[in-house]
PDB file of N, CA and C in Angstrom:
ATOM      1  N   MET A   1      17.541   4.922  -5.843  1.00  0.00           N
ATOM      2  CA  MET A   1      17.731   4.096  -4.699  1.00  0.00           C
ATOM      3  C   MET A   1      16.441   3.264  -4.502  1.00  0.00           C
ATOM      4  N   LYS A   2      16.618   1.971  -4.340  1.00  0.00           N
ATOM      5  CA  LYS A   2      15.472   1.022  -4.154  1.00  0.00           C
ATOM      6  C   LYS A   2      14.936   1.199  -2.714  1.00  0.00           C
ATOM      7  N   LEU A   3      13.620   1.327  -2.593  1.00  0.00           N
ATOM      8  CA  LEU A   3      12.964   1.398  -1.302  1.00  0.00           C
ATOM      9  C   LEU A   3      12.955   0.040  -0.569  1.00  0.00           C
ATOM     10  N   ASP A   4      13.285   0.055   0.662  1.00  0.00           N
ATOM     11  CA  ASP A   4      13.195  -1.199   1.468  1.00  0.00           C
ATOM     12  C   ASP A   4      11.741  -1.241   2.059  1.00  0.00           C
ATOM     13  N   TRP A   5      10.896  -2.034   1.456  1.00  0.00           N
ATOM     14  CA  TRP A   5       9.507  -2.086   1.880  1.00  0.00           C
ATOM     15  C   TRP A   5       9.371  -2.717   3.239  1.00  0.00           C
ATOM     16  N   HIS A   6      10.380  -3.390   3.739  1.00  0.00           N
ATOM     17  CA  HIS A   6      10.336  -3.994   5.038  1.00  0.00           C
ATOM     18  C   HIS A   6      10.624  -3.036   6.185  1.00  0.00           C
ATOM     19  N   SER A   7      11.436  -2.006   5.932  1.00  0.00           N
ATOM     20  CA  SER A   7      11.822  -1.152   7.065  1.00  0.00           C
ATOM     21  C   SER A   7      11.794   0.338   6.846  1.00  0.00           C
ATOM     22  N   SER A   8      11.557   0.755   5.610  1.00  0.00           N
ATOM     23  CA  SER A   8      11.490   2.246   5.358  1.00  0.00           C
ATOM     24  C   SER A   8      10.311   2.852   6.025  1.00  0.00           C
ATOM     25  N   VAL A   9      10.453   4.142   6.409  1.00  0.00           N
ATOM     26  CA  VAL A   9       9.307   4.924   6.857  1.00  0.00           C
ATOM     27  C   VAL A   9       8.384   5.184   5.714  1.00  0.00           C
ATOM     28  N   LEU A  10       7.159   4.739   5.809  1.00  0.00           N
ATOM     29  CA  LEU A  10       6.174   4.937   4.752  1.00  0.00           C
ATOM     30  C   LEU A  10       5.251   6.075   4.999  1.00  0.00           C
ATOM     31  N   THR A  11       4.905   6.822   3.930  1.00  0.00           N
ATOM     32  CA  THR A  11       3.951   7.916   4.054  1.00  0.00           C
ATOM     33  C   THR A  11       2.995   7.819   2.918  1.00  0.00           C
ATOM     34  N   ARG A  12       1.964   8.685   2.882  1.00  0.00           N
ATOM     35  CA  ARG A  12       1.001   8.706   1.834  1.00  0.00           C
ATOM     36  C   ARG A  12       1.693   9.080   0.477  1.00  0.00           C
ATOM     37  N   THR A  13       2.815   9.722   0.536  1.00  0.00           N
ATOM     38  CA  THR A  13       3.456  10.128  -0.690  1.00  0.00           C
ATOM     39  C   THR A  13       4.485   9.104  -1.218  1.00  0.00           C
ATOM     40  N   THR A  14       4.710   7.978  -0.492  1.00  0.00           N
ATOM     41  CA  THR A  14       5.625   6.969  -0.892  1.00  0.00           C
ATOM     42  C   THR A  14       5.127   6.375  -2.237  1.00  0.00           C
ATOM     43  N   ILE A  15       5.999   6.374  -3.255  1.00  0.00           N
ATOM     44  CA  ILE A  15       5.634   5.860  -4.588  1.00  0.00           C
ATOM     45  C   ILE A  15       5.609   4.355  -4.565  1.00  0.00           C
ATOM     46  N   VAL A  16       4.544   3.800  -5.166  1.00  0.00           N
ATOM     47  CA  VAL A  16       4.431   2.338  -5.313  1.00  0.00           C
ATOM     48  C   VAL A  16       5.095   2.056  -6.698  1.00  0.00           C
ATOM     49  N   ASP A  17       6.259   1.400  -6.603  1.00  0.00           N
ATOM     50  CA  ASP A  17       7.015   1.104  -7.809  1.00  0.00           C
ATOM     51  C   ASP A  17       7.032  -0.385  -8.184  1.00  0.00           C
ATOM     52  N   GLN A  18       7.816  -0.745  -9.166  1.00  0.00           N
ATOM     53  CA  GLN A  18       7.797  -2.159  -9.615  1.00  0.00           C
ATOM     54  C   GLN A  18       8.403  -3.069  -8.528  1.00  0.00           C
ATOM     55  N   ASN A  19       9.071  -2.505  -7.545  1.00  0.00           N
ATOM     56  CA  ASN A  19       9.660  -3.321  -6.467  1.00  0.00           C
ATOM     57  C   ASN A  19       8.759  -3.446  -5.232  1.00  0.00           C
ATOM     58  N   TYR A  20       7.483  -2.976  -5.312  1.00  0.00           N
ATOM     59  CA  TYR A  20       6.582  -2.966  -4.227  1.00  0.00           C
ATOM     60  C   TYR A  20       6.380  -4.387  -3.682  1.00  0.00           C
ATOM     61  N   LYS A  21       6.331  -4.475  -2.370  1.00  0.00           N
ATOM     62  CA  LYS A  21       6.049  -5.757  -1.684  1.00  0.00           C
ATOM     63  C   LYS A  21       5.004  -5.559  -0.630  1.00  0.00           C
ATOM     64  N   ASN A  22       4.092  -6.510  -0.487  1.00  0.00           N
ATOM     65  CA  ASN A  22       3.116  -6.507   0.595  1.00  0.00           C
ATOM     66  C   ASN A  22       3.823  -7.048   1.897  1.00  0.00           C
ATOM     67  N   THR A  23       4.431  -6.085   2.615  1.00  0.00           N
ATOM     68  CA  THR A  23       5.182  -6.489   3.809  1.00  0.00           C
ATOM     69  C   THR A  23       4.386  -6.198   5.093  1.00  0.00           C
ATOM     70  N   GLN A  24       4.889  -6.643   6.225  1.00  0.00           N
ATOM     71  CA  GLN A  24       4.274  -6.283   7.500  1.00  0.00           C
ATOM     72  C   GLN A  24       4.347  -4.766   7.696  1.00  0.00           C
ATOM     73  N   ASN A  25       5.426  -4.138   7.215  1.00  0.00           N
ATOM     74  CA  ASN A  25       5.578  -2.712   7.311  1.00  0.00           C
ATOM     75  C   ASN A  25       4.422  -1.989   6.548  1.00  0.00           C
ATOM     76  N   VAL A  26       4.143  -2.485   5.371  1.00  0.00           N
ATOM     77  CA  VAL A  26       3.074  -1.907   4.588  1.00  0.00           C
ATOM     78  C   VAL A  26       1.721  -2.153   5.308  1.00  0.00           C
ATOM     79  N   ARG A  27       1.518  -3.330   5.811  1.00  0.00           N
ATOM     80  CA  ARG A  27       0.305  -3.700   6.528  1.00  0.00           C
ATOM     81  C   ARG A  27       0.102  -2.754   7.733  1.00  0.00           C
ATOM     82  N   ARG A  28       1.151  -2.515   8.510  1.00  0.00           N
ATOM     83  CA  ARG A  28       1.066  -1.605   9.643  1.00  0.00           C
ATOM     84  C   ARG A  28       0.674  -0.198   9.181  1.00  0.00           C
ATOM     85  N   PHE A  29       1.316   0.260   8.173  1.00  0.00           N
ATOM     86  CA  PHE A  29       0.944   1.593   7.586  1.00  0.00           C
ATOM     87  C   PHE A  29      -0.547   1.634   7.195  1.00  0.00           C
ATOM     88  N   MET A  30      -1.010   0.572   6.475  1.00  0.00           N
ATOM     89  CA  MET A  30      -2.393   0.574   6.033  1.00  0.00           C
ATOM     90  C   MET A  30      -3.340   0.445   7.180  1.00  0.00           C
ATOM     91  N   VAL A  31      -3.085  -0.274   8.188  1.00  0.00           N
ATOM     92  CA  VAL A  31      -3.922  -0.311   9.372  1.00  0.00           C
ATOM     93  C   VAL A  31      -3.976   1.024  10.098  1.00  0.00           C
ATOM     94  N   GLU A  32      -2.842   1.725  10.183  1.00  0.00           N
ATOM     95  CA  GLU A  32      -2.806   3.078  10.753  1.00  0.00           C
ATOM     96  C   GLU A  32      -3.709   3.970   9.976  1.00  0.00           C
ATOM     97  N   GLN A  33      -3.724   3.876   8.667  1.00  0.00           N
ATOM     98  CA  GLN A  33      -4.408   4.821   7.765  1.00  0.00           C
ATOM     99  C   GLN A  33      -5.955   4.411   7.599  1.00  0.00           C
ATOM    100  N   CYS A  34      -6.228   3.087   7.626  1.00  0.00           N
ATOM    101  CA  CYS A  34      -7.532   2.589   7.272  1.00  0.00           C
ATOM    102  C   CYS A  34      -8.306   2.019   8.448  1.00  0.00           C
ATOM    103  N   GLY A  35      -7.631   1.735   9.566  1.00  0.00           N
ATOM    104  CA  GLY A  35      -8.273   1.128  10.723  1.00  0.00           C
ATOM    105  C   GLY A  35      -7.999  -0.383  10.790  1.00  0.00           C
ATOM    106  N   GLU A  36      -8.413  -0.878  11.938  1.00  0.00           N
ATOM    107  CA  GLU A  36      -8.151  -2.325  12.217  1.00  0.00           C
ATOM    108  C   GLU A  36      -8.842  -3.269  11.257  1.00  0.00           C
ATOM    109  N   GLY A  37      -9.848  -2.813  10.522  1.00  0.00           N
ATOM    110  CA  GLY A  37     -10.565  -3.661   9.573  1.00  0.00           C
ATOM    111  C   GLY A  37      -9.824  -3.906   8.303  1.00  0.00           C
ATOM    112  N   PHE A  38      -8.627  -3.270   8.157  1.00  0.00           N
ATOM    113  CA  PHE A  38      -7.878  -3.389   6.881  1.00  0.00           C
ATOM    114  C   PHE A  38      -7.441  -4.797   6.635  1.00  0.00           C
ATOM    115  N   ARG A  39      -7.580  -5.316   5.455  1.00  0.00           N
ATOM    116  CA  ARG A  39      -7.095  -6.632   5.064  1.00  0.00           C
ATOM    117  C   ARG A  39      -6.674  -6.557   3.601  1.00  0.00           C
ATOM    118  N   PHE A  40      -5.585  -7.234   3.202  1.00  0.00           N
ATOM    119  CA  PHE A  40      -5.227  -7.413   1.801  1.00  0.00           C
ATOM    120  C   PHE A  40      -6.105  -8.532   1.275  1.00  0.00           C
ATOM    121  N   ASP A  41      -6.582  -8.367   0.033  1.00  0.00           N
ATOM    122  CA  ASP A  41      -7.220  -9.506  -0.643  1.00  0.00           C
ATOM    123  C   ASP A  41      -6.638  -9.544  -2.076  1.00  0.00           C
ATOM    124  N   ARG A  42      -6.903 -10.588  -2.752  1.00  0.00           N
ATOM    125  CA  ARG A  42      -6.264 -10.773  -4.091  1.00  0.00           C
ATOM    126  C   ARG A  42      -6.601  -9.698  -5.103  1.00  0.00           C
ATOM    127  N   ASP A  43      -7.862  -9.253  -5.129  1.00  0.00           N
ATOM    128  CA  ASP A  43      -8.250  -8.196  -6.137  1.00  0.00           C
ATOM    129  C   ASP A  43      -7.555  -6.934  -5.773  1.00  0.00           C
ATOM    130  N   PHE A  44      -7.467  -6.601  -4.506  1.00  0.00           N
ATOM    131  CA  PHE A  44      -6.873  -5.314  -4.060  1.00  0.00           C
ATOM    132  C   PHE A  44      -5.367  -5.381  -4.379  1.00  0.00           C
ATOM    133  N   MET A  45      -4.699  -6.481  -4.060  1.00  0.00           N
ATOM    134  CA  MET A  45      -3.305  -6.578  -4.301  1.00  0.00           C
ATOM    135  C   MET A  45      -3.011  -6.497  -5.838  1.00  0.00           C
ATOM    136  N   ALA A  46      -3.872  -7.041  -6.657  1.00  0.00           N
ATOM    137  CA  ALA A  46      -3.754  -6.979  -8.103  1.00  0.00           C
ATOM    138  C   ALA A  46      -3.867  -5.518  -8.556  1.00  0.00           C
ATOM    139  N   TRP A  47      -4.837  -4.766  -7.965  1.00  0.00           N
ATOM    140  CA  TRP A  47      -4.980  -3.371  -8.275  1.00  0.00           C
ATOM    141  C   TRP A  47      -3.736  -2.615  -7.946  1.00  0.00           C
ATOM    142  N   ILE A  48      -3.115  -2.875  -6.740  1.00  0.00           N
ATOM    143  CA  ILE A  48      -1.869  -2.202  -6.335  1.00  0.00           C
ATOM    144  C   ILE A  48      -0.798  -2.383  -7.425  1.00  0.00           C
ATOM    145  N   ARG A  49      -0.705  -3.581  -7.933  1.00  0.00           N
ATOM    146  CA  ARG A  49       0.421  -3.900  -8.850  1.00  0.00           C
ATOM    147  C   ARG A  49       0.000  -3.829 -10.323  1.00  0.00           C
ATOM    148  N   ASN A  50      -1.043  -3.075 -10.662  1.00  0.00           N
ATOM    149  CA  ASN A  50      -1.545  -3.081 -12.048  1.00  0.00           C
ATOM    150  C   ASN A  50      -0.738  -2.247 -13.045  1.00  0.00           C
ATOM    151  N   GLY A  51       0.363  -1.676 -12.590  1.00  0.00           N
ATOM    152  CA  GLY A  51       1.209  -0.890 -13.446  1.00  0.00           C
ATOM    153  C   GLY A  51       0.855   0.560 -13.579  1.00  0.00           C
ATOM    154  N   THR A  52      -0.255   1.022 -13.011  1.00  0.00           N
ATOM    155  CA  THR A  52      -0.621   2.397 -13.046  1.00  0.00           C
ATOM    156  C   THR A  52       0.163   3.145 -11.928  1.00  0.00           C
ATOM    157  N   ALA A  53       0.667   4.315 -12.276  1.00  0.00           N
ATOM    158  CA  ALA A  53       1.430   5.109 -11.333  1.00  0.00           C
ATOM    159  C   ALA A  53       0.520   5.493 -10.096  1.00  0.00           C
ATOM    160  N   LYS A  54       1.055   5.247  -8.926  1.00  0.00           N
ATOM    161  CA  LYS A  54       0.307   5.556  -7.723  1.00  0.00           C
ATOM    162  C   LYS A  54       1.203   5.676  -6.560  1.00  0.00           C
ATOM    163  N   ASN A  55       0.722   6.247  -5.493  1.00  0.00           N
ATOM    164  CA  ASN A  55       1.493   6.321  -4.218  1.00  0.00           C
ATOM    165  C   ASN A  55       0.673   5.675  -3.128  1.00  0.00           C
ATOM    166  N   LEU A  56       1.196   5.541  -1.935  1.00  0.00           N
ATOM    167  CA  LEU A  56       0.394   4.864  -0.883  1.00  0.00           C
ATOM    168  C   LEU A  56      -0.862   5.604  -0.446  1.00  0.00           C
ATOM    169  N   GLY A  57      -0.846   6.954  -0.685  1.00  0.00           N
ATOM    170  CA  GLY A  57      -2.111   7.675  -0.463  1.00  0.00           C
ATOM    171  C   GLY A  57      -3.228   7.205  -1.348  1.00  0.00           C
ATOM    172  N   ASP A  58      -2.900   6.947  -2.663  1.00  0.00           N
ATOM    173  CA  ASP A  58      -3.861   6.405  -3.595  1.00  0.00           C
ATOM    174  C   ASP A  58      -4.364   5.041  -3.159  1.00  0.00           C
ATOM    175  N   VAL A  59      -3.390   4.247  -2.629  1.00  0.00           N
ATOM    176  CA  VAL A  59      -3.740   2.887  -2.166  1.00  0.00           C
ATOM    177  C   VAL A  59      -4.738   2.976  -1.009  1.00  0.00           C
ATOM    178  N   VAL A  60      -4.435   3.817  -0.062  1.00  0.00           N
ATOM    179  CA  VAL A  60      -5.373   4.038   1.095  1.00  0.00           C
ATOM    180  C   VAL A  60      -6.696   4.471   0.634  1.00  0.00           C
ATOM    181  N   ASP A  61      -6.760   5.466  -0.243  1.00  0.00           N
ATOM    182  CA  ASP A  61      -8.036   5.996  -0.738  1.00  0.00           C
ATOM    183  C   ASP A  61      -8.813   4.930  -1.470  1.00  0.00           C
ATOM    184  N   GLU A  62      -8.140   4.124  -2.247  1.00  0.00           N
ATOM    185  CA  GLU A  62      -8.843   3.035  -3.001  1.00  0.00           C
ATOM    186  C   GLU A  62      -9.426   2.028  -2.010  1.00  0.00           C
ATOM    187  N   TRP A  63      -8.682   1.677  -1.010  1.00  0.00           N
ATOM    188  CA  TRP A  63      -9.199   0.687  -0.060  1.00  0.00           C
ATOM    189  C   TRP A  63     -10.419   1.226   0.672  1.00  0.00           C
ATOM    190  N   LYS A  64     -10.360   2.507   1.055  1.00  0.00           N
ATOM    191  CA  LYS A  64     -11.500   3.161   1.724  1.00  0.00           C
ATOM    192  C   LYS A  64     -12.705   3.219   0.772  1.00  0.00           C
ATOM    193  N   ARG A  65     -12.418   3.505  -0.512  1.00  0.00           N
ATOM    194  CA  ARG A  65     -13.530   3.588  -1.454  1.00  0.00           C
ATOM    195  C   ARG A  65     -14.198   2.181  -1.597  1.00  0.00           C
ATOM    196  N   ARG A  66     -13.423   1.113  -1.539  1.00  0.00           N
ATOM    197  CA  ARG A  66     -13.956  -0.198  -1.701  1.00  0.00           C
ATOM    198  C   ARG A  66     -14.644  -0.723  -0.428  1.00  0.00           C
ATOM    199  N   HIS A  67     -14.303  -0.113   0.709  1.00  0.00           N
ATOM    200  CA  HIS A  67     -14.913  -0.589   1.967  1.00  0.00           C
ATOM    201  C   HIS A  67     -15.689   0.495   2.664  1.00  0.00           C
TER     202      HIS A  67
END
Protein backbone atom coordinates (compact mmCIF):
# COMPACT_ATOMS: atom_id res chain seq x y z
CA MET A 1 0.00 0.00 0.00
CA LYS A 2 1.34 3.41 -1.03
CA LEU A 3 1.91 5.85 1.85
CA ASP A 4 0.06 9.17 1.60
CA TRP A 5 2.85 11.61 2.50
CA HIS A 6 0.27 14.40 2.78
CA SER A 7 -1.90 12.91 5.53
CA SER A 8 -0.45 9.71 7.01
CA VAL A 9 0.75 9.66 10.62
CA LEU A 10 4.53 9.78 10.38
CA THR A 11 6.96 8.22 12.86
CA ARG A 12 10.69 7.67 13.04
CA THR A 13 10.11 4.17 11.66
CA THR A 14 8.23 5.36 8.55
CA ILE A 15 10.13 4.03 5.53
CA VAL A 16 11.32 6.57 2.96
CA ASP A 17 10.44 4.88 -0.33
CA GLN A 18 10.51 5.83 -4.02
CA ASN A 19 7.17 7.64 -3.56
CA TYR A 20 8.57 10.01 -0.88
CA LYS A 21 7.41 13.62 -1.12
CA ASN A 22 8.56 16.72 0.77
CA THR A 23 5.09 17.67 2.02
CA GLN A 24 3.86 19.99 4.75
CA ASN A 25 3.10 16.83 6.73
CA VAL A 26 6.76 15.79 6.51
CA ARG A 27 7.87 19.32 7.37
CA ARG A 28 5.66 19.32 10.49
CA PHE A 29 7.14 15.98 11.55
CA MET A 30 10.68 17.23 11.00
CA VAL A 31 10.04 20.45 12.96
CA GLU A 32 8.63 18.36 15.83
CA GLN A 33 11.75 16.16 15.80
CA CYS A 34 14.44 18.75 14.98
CA GLY A 35 13.06 22.03 16.29
CA GLU A 36 11.90 25.28 14.73
CA GLY A 37 15.25 25.74 12.97
CA PHE A 38 14.53 22.85 10.61
CA ARG A 39 14.65 23.74 6.90
CA PHE A 40 14.81 21.63 3.74
CA ASP A 41 17.68 22.54 1.42
CA ARG A 42 18.67 21.07 -1.94
CA ASP A 43 21.60 19.00 -0.66
CA PHE A 44 19.53 17.52 2.15
CA MET A 45 16.59 16.74 -0.15
CA ALA A 46 19.01 15.04 -2.57
CA TRP A 47 20.38 12.96 0.31
CA ILE A 48 16.85 11.89 1.31
CA ARG A 49 16.17 10.68 -2.26
CA ASN A 50 19.59 9.12 -2.95
CA GLY A 51 18.22 5.57 -3.24
CA THR A 52 19.75 4.33 0.02
CA ALA A 53 17.28 2.53 2.30
CA LYS A 54 16.29 4.77 5.22
CA ASN A 55 13.44 5.69 7.51
CA LEU A 56 12.40 9.08 8.87
CA GLY A 57 14.47 8.45 12.00
CA ASP A 58 17.56 8.28 9.77
CA VAL A 59 16.46 11.52 8.09
CA VAL A 60 16.07 13.27 11.47
CA ASP A 61 19.45 11.99 12.66
CA GLU A 62 21.17 13.14 9.46
CA TRP A 63 19.67 16.63 9.70
CA LYS A 64 20.80 16.90 13.33
CA ARG A 65 24.28 15.68 12.33
CA ARG A 66 24.50 18.40 9.67
CA HIS A 67 23.27 21.15 12.01
